Amino acid sequence: MEQPRLVPIKLDNYKPLREMVFESLREAIILGRLKPGERLMEIQLAEEMGVSRTPVREAIRKLELEGFVVMVPRKGAYVAGISVKDIVDVFEVRAALEGLAAALAAERITSEEMDQLEMSLLRINANAEEDLDVIVEGDSAFHSLIYQASRNQRLVQIITHLQEQIHRFRMTSLAQPGRTKVALEEHKKIVEAISDRNIELAQALATEHIENAEQSLLNALREEES
């Protein structure tokens, strides 16, 4: 039986309604239930989720900021497509930056930051079976700690400018079966290299980690097309 695109929002959740609507739409886009190029009709989406148009409109605006939706003048909102070129361009830059950040962290990280990095690993491992948002939040926090430990504010600023694209790609990659478990093992190796102050190995492992995430995303795109 085919899974519905969207399900009615349950109002017993502690989260604000607009946040639940946003997460529901984002998940539908990531999992391909809302297809790239598909027009997002506020009334239709509101009916499917059993809510008013206002939280749907707010969610669509937020999805546009995160790169999941594009607004076409005089036509409306559409699910943003992901091209192979988009993926390759972003991941080429990200692999270089993440590798540099890990190398600098291996050289400059403090003992307190090292403890935070180890704790981040434990939290990710503990939440490995949780929903996608929790997993992605843990993954993002892990990488942010490495950026912080690099002591290079320009590097952090450049990566921050890529966050919208990185967030979408991170969610789509980690949504692939088995990718979370593999990513956790890659994180452990990166932490060990940083802890050992092995600059070259930390850089190589961080670069490889991003390249593997890219491959996971490209595989998902090919499966969708086929």
Protein backbone atom coordinates (compact mmCIF):
# COMPACT_ATOMS: atom_id res chain seq x y z
CA MET A 1 0.00 0.00 0.00
CA GLU A 2 1.43 3.36 -1.04
CA GLN A 3 2.25 5.71 1.80
CA PRO A 4 0.26 8.98 1.76
CA ARG A 5 2.15 12.13 0.87
CA LEU A 6 1.18 13.82 4.11
CA VAL A 7 -0.65 12.74 7.23
CA PRO A 8 -2.91 14.82 9.50
CA ILE A 9 -1.00 16.76 12.14
CA LYS A 10 -1.49 15.49 15.69
CA LEU A 11 -2.13 18.40 18.02
CA ASP A 12 -0.96 16.55 21.15
CA ASN A 13 2.66 17.32 20.30
CA TYR A 14 4.59 19.81 22.46
CA LYS A 15 5.92 21.60 19.37
CA PRO A 16 4.22 24.68 17.86
CA LEU A 17 1.84 23.84 15.03
CA ARG A 18 3.87 25.77 12.45
CA GLU A 19 6.96 23.75 13.37
CA MET A 20 5.12 20.44 13.00
CA VAL A 21 3.76 21.50 9.60
CA PHE A 22 7.25 22.58 8.51
CA GLU A 23 8.80 19.26 9.59
CA SER A 24 6.03 17.25 7.89
CA LEU A 25 6.50 19.08 4.58
CA ARG A 26 10.29 18.88 4.78
CA GLU A 27 10.17 15.15 5.44
CA ALA A 28 7.78 14.65 2.50
CA ILE A 29 10.23 16.49 0.22
CA ILE A 30 13.27 14.57 1.49
CA LEU A 31 11.56 11.20 1.15
CA GLY A 32 10.28 12.07 -2.33
CA ARG A 33 6.59 12.09 -1.52
CA LEU A 34 6.57 15.69 -2.72
CA LYS A 35 8.52 15.61 -5.98
CA PRO A 36 11.05 18.13 -7.32
CA GLY A 37 9.21 20.62 -9.52
CA GLU A 38 5.84 19.92 -7.88
CA ARG A 39 3.77 23.00 -7.12
CA LEU A 40 2.87 23.45 -3.45
CA MET A 41 -0.78 24.47 -3.19
CA GLU A 42 -1.50 25.92 0.25
CA ILE A 43 -5.18 24.90 0.32
CA GLN A 44 -4.49 21.32 -0.77
CA LEU A 45 -1.61 20.86 1.68
CA ALA A 46 -3.64 22.36 4.51
CA GLU A 47 -6.50 19.95 3.81
CA GLU A 48 -4.17 16.93 3.73
CA MET A 49 -2.68 17.86 7.10
CA GLY A 50 -5.92 19.03 8.67
CA VAL A 51 -4.68 22.54 9.44
CA SER A 52 -5.37 26.09 8.29
CA ARG A 53 -3.45 27.78 5.49
CA THR A 54 -1.49 30.08 7.83
CA PRO A 55 0.99 27.50 9.25
CA VAL A 56 1.36 26.03 5.76
CA ARG A 57 2.26 29.45 4.35
CA GLU A 58 4.77 30.00 7.18
CA ALA A 59 6.29 26.55 6.63
CA ILE A 60 6.71 27.17 2.89
CA ARG A 61 8.57 30.44 3.61
CA LYS A 62 10.91 28.61 5.97
CA LEU A 63 11.43 25.80 3.46
CA GLU A 64 12.41 28.42 0.88
CA LEU A 65 15.06 29.80 3.26
CA GLU A 66 16.50 26.29 3.70
CA GLY A 67 16.61 25.64 -0.04
CA PHE A 68 13.82 23.05 -0.18
CA VAL A 69 11.39 25.33 -2.03
CA VAL A 70 11.72 27.92 -4.77
CA MET A 71 9.28 30.78 -5.29
CA VAL A 72 8.42 31.57 -8.90
CA PRO A 73 7.01 35.10 -9.43
CA ARG A 74 3.29 35.10 -10.31
CA LYS A 75 3.23 31.28 -10.23
CA GLY A 76 3.79 30.21 -6.65
CA ALA A 77 5.91 27.81 -4.63
CA TYR A 78 7.56 24.70 -6.07
CA VAL A 79 9.66 21.91 -4.60
CA ALA A 80 13.29 22.72 -5.43
CA GLY A 81 15.08 20.21 -7.59
CA ILE A 82 18.47 18.75 -6.76
CA SER A 83 20.77 18.44 -9.74
CA VAL A 84 23.95 16.40 -9.87
CA LYS A 85 25.81 19.64 -10.61
CA ASP A 86 24.40 21.25 -7.43
CA ILE A 87 25.55 18.28 -5.35
CA VAL A 88 29.02 18.09 -6.88
CA ASP A 89 29.62 21.84 -6.58
CA VAL A 90 28.59 22.03 -2.91
CA PHE A 91 30.39 18.86 -1.86
CA GLU A 92 33.63 19.81 -3.63
CA VAL A 93 33.75 22.97 -1.53
CA ARG A 94 32.53 21.26 1.63
CA ALA A 95 35.02 18.39 1.42
CA ALA A 96 37.90 20.87 1.18
CA LEU A 97 36.59 23.00 4.04
CA GLU A 98 35.75 20.07 6.34
CA GLY A 99 39.18 18.55 5.71
CA LEU A 100 40.87 21.83 6.55
CA ALA A 101 38.73 22.29 9.68
CA ALA A 102 39.62 18.79 10.94
CA ALA A 103 43.32 19.35 10.26
CA LEU A 104 43.31 22.65 12.15
CA ALA A 105 41.29 21.08 14.98
CA ALA A 106 43.87 18.31 15.33
CA GLU A 107 46.48 21.01 15.80
CA ARG A 108 44.53 23.47 17.97
CA ILE A 109 41.75 21.69 19.88
CA THR A 110 41.65 22.16 23.66
CA SER A 111 41.10 19.35 26.14
CA GLU A 112 37.68 20.80 26.99
CA GLU A 113 36.67 20.84 23.32
CA MET A 114 37.96 17.29 22.95
CA ASP A 115 35.65 16.23 25.77
CA GLN A 116 32.74 17.98 24.04
CA LEU A 117 33.53 16.15 20.80
CA GLU A 118 33.58 12.80 22.61
CA MET A 119 30.26 13.61 24.29
CA SER A 120 28.80 14.57 20.93
CA LEU A 121 29.68 11.11 19.62
CA LEU A 122 27.96 9.49 22.57
CA ARG A 123 24.81 11.55 22.02
CA ILE A 124 24.70 10.67 18.33
CA ASN A 125 25.14 6.99 19.16
CA ALA A 126 22.39 7.14 21.79
CA ASN A 127 20.00 8.79 19.34
CA ALA A 128 20.86 6.61 16.33
CA GLU A 129 17.36 5.10 16.32
CA GLU A 130 15.56 8.43 16.77
CA ASP A 131 13.76 10.41 14.08
CA LEU A 132 15.64 12.09 11.27
CA ASP A 133 15.54 15.58 12.79
CA VAL A 134 17.28 14.38 15.97
CA ILE A 135 19.95 12.53 13.98
CA VAL A 136 20.62 15.52 11.72
CA GLU A 137 20.79 17.87 14.71
CA GLY A 138 23.42 15.64 16.32
CA ASP A 139 25.41 15.41 13.10
CA SER A 140 25.33 19.17 12.66
CA ALA A 141 26.44 19.74 16.26
CA PHE A 142 29.36 17.34 15.78
CA HIS A 143 30.67 19.21 12.75
CA SER A 144 30.12 22.58 14.43
CA LEU A 145 32.40 21.52 17.29
CA ILE A 146 35.16 20.75 14.80
CA TYR A 147 34.69 24.14 13.11
CA GLN A 148 34.93 25.82 16.51
CA ALA A 149 38.12 23.91 17.37
CA SER A 150 39.75 25.02 14.11
CA ARG A 151 40.18 28.54 15.56
CA ASN A 152 39.67 29.98 12.08
CA GLN A 153 36.74 32.39 12.04
CA ARG A 154 36.92 32.95 8.27
CA LEU A 155 36.59 29.23 7.71
CA VAL A 156 33.54 29.12 10.00
CA GLN A 157 31.96 32.05 8.14
CA ILE A 158 32.44 30.42 4.74
CA ILE A 159 30.90 27.14 5.92
CA THR A 160 28.02 29.06 7.51
CA HIS A 161 27.18 30.58 4.11
CA LEU A 162 26.75 27.04 2.78
CA GLN A 163 24.52 25.89 5.63
CA GLU A 164 21.21 26.04 3.73
CA GLN A 165 22.45 23.70 1.00
CA ILE A 166 24.40 21.56 3.49
CA HIS A 167 21.33 21.10 5.68
CA ARG A 168 19.17 19.81 2.86
CA PHE A 169 21.88 17.53 1.53
CA ARG A 170 22.73 16.30 5.04
CA MET A 171 19.10 15.35 5.70
CA THR A 172 18.69 13.60 2.37
CA SER A 173 21.96 11.70 2.74
CA LEU A 174 21.28 10.59 6.34
CA ALA A 175 17.78 9.49 5.35
CA GLN A 176 19.31 6.76 3.18
CA PRO A 177 19.19 3.24 4.70
CA GLY A 178 22.36 2.43 6.63
CA ARG A 179 24.01 5.82 6.14
CA THR A 180 23.60 6.94 9.77
CA LYS A 181 25.47 3.90 11.09
CA VAL A 182 28.31 4.34 8.59
CA ALA A 183 28.54 8.07 9.31
CA LEU A 184 28.87 7.37 13.03
CA GLU A 185 31.81 5.04 12.41
CA GLU A 186 33.43 7.70 10.23
CA HIS A 187 32.90 10.27 13.01
CA LYS A 188 34.66 7.99 15.51
CA LYS A 189 37.71 7.68 13.27
CA ILE A 190 37.87 11.45 12.79
CA VAL A 191 37.70 12.02 16.55
CA GLU A 192 40.48 9.49 17.15
CA ALA A 193 42.72 11.21 14.60
CA ILE A 194 42.05 14.63 16.14
CA SER A 195 42.67 13.23 19.63
CA ASP A 196 46.00 11.76 18.43
CA ARG A 197 46.93 15.15 16.93
CA ASN A 198 47.35 13.42 13.58
CA ILE A 199 46.78 16.37 11.29
CA GLU A 200 47.13 14.59 7.95
CA LEU A 201 44.93 11.65 8.95
CA ALA A 202 42.23 13.93 10.40
CA GLN A 203 42.12 15.90 7.16
CA ALA A 204 41.99 12.75 5.01
CA LEU A 205 39.25 11.12 7.08
CA ALA A 206 37.09 14.27 7.20
CA THR A 207 37.43 14.70 3.43
CA GLU A 208 36.55 11.04 2.86
CA HIS A 209 33.54 11.38 5.18
CA ILE A 210 32.10 14.18 3.07
CA GLU A 211 32.84 12.35 -0.17
CA ASN A 212 30.97 9.30 1.17
CA ALA A 213 28.00 11.49 2.08
CA GLU A 214 28.06 12.88 -1.46
CA GLN A 215 28.06 9.37 -2.92
CA SER A 216 25.11 8.41 -0.72
CA LEU A 217 23.19 11.41 -2.00
CA LEU A 218 24.04 10.72 -5.64
CA ASN A 219 22.96 7.09 -5.25
CA ALA A 220 19.62 8.25 -3.83
CA LEU A 221 19.17 10.62 -6.76
CA ARG A 222 19.89 7.87 -9.30
CA GLU A 223 17.45 5.50 -7.58
CA GLU A 224 14.76 8.19 -7.67
CA GLU A 225 15.33 8.81 -11.38
CA SER A 226 15.23 5.09 -12.21
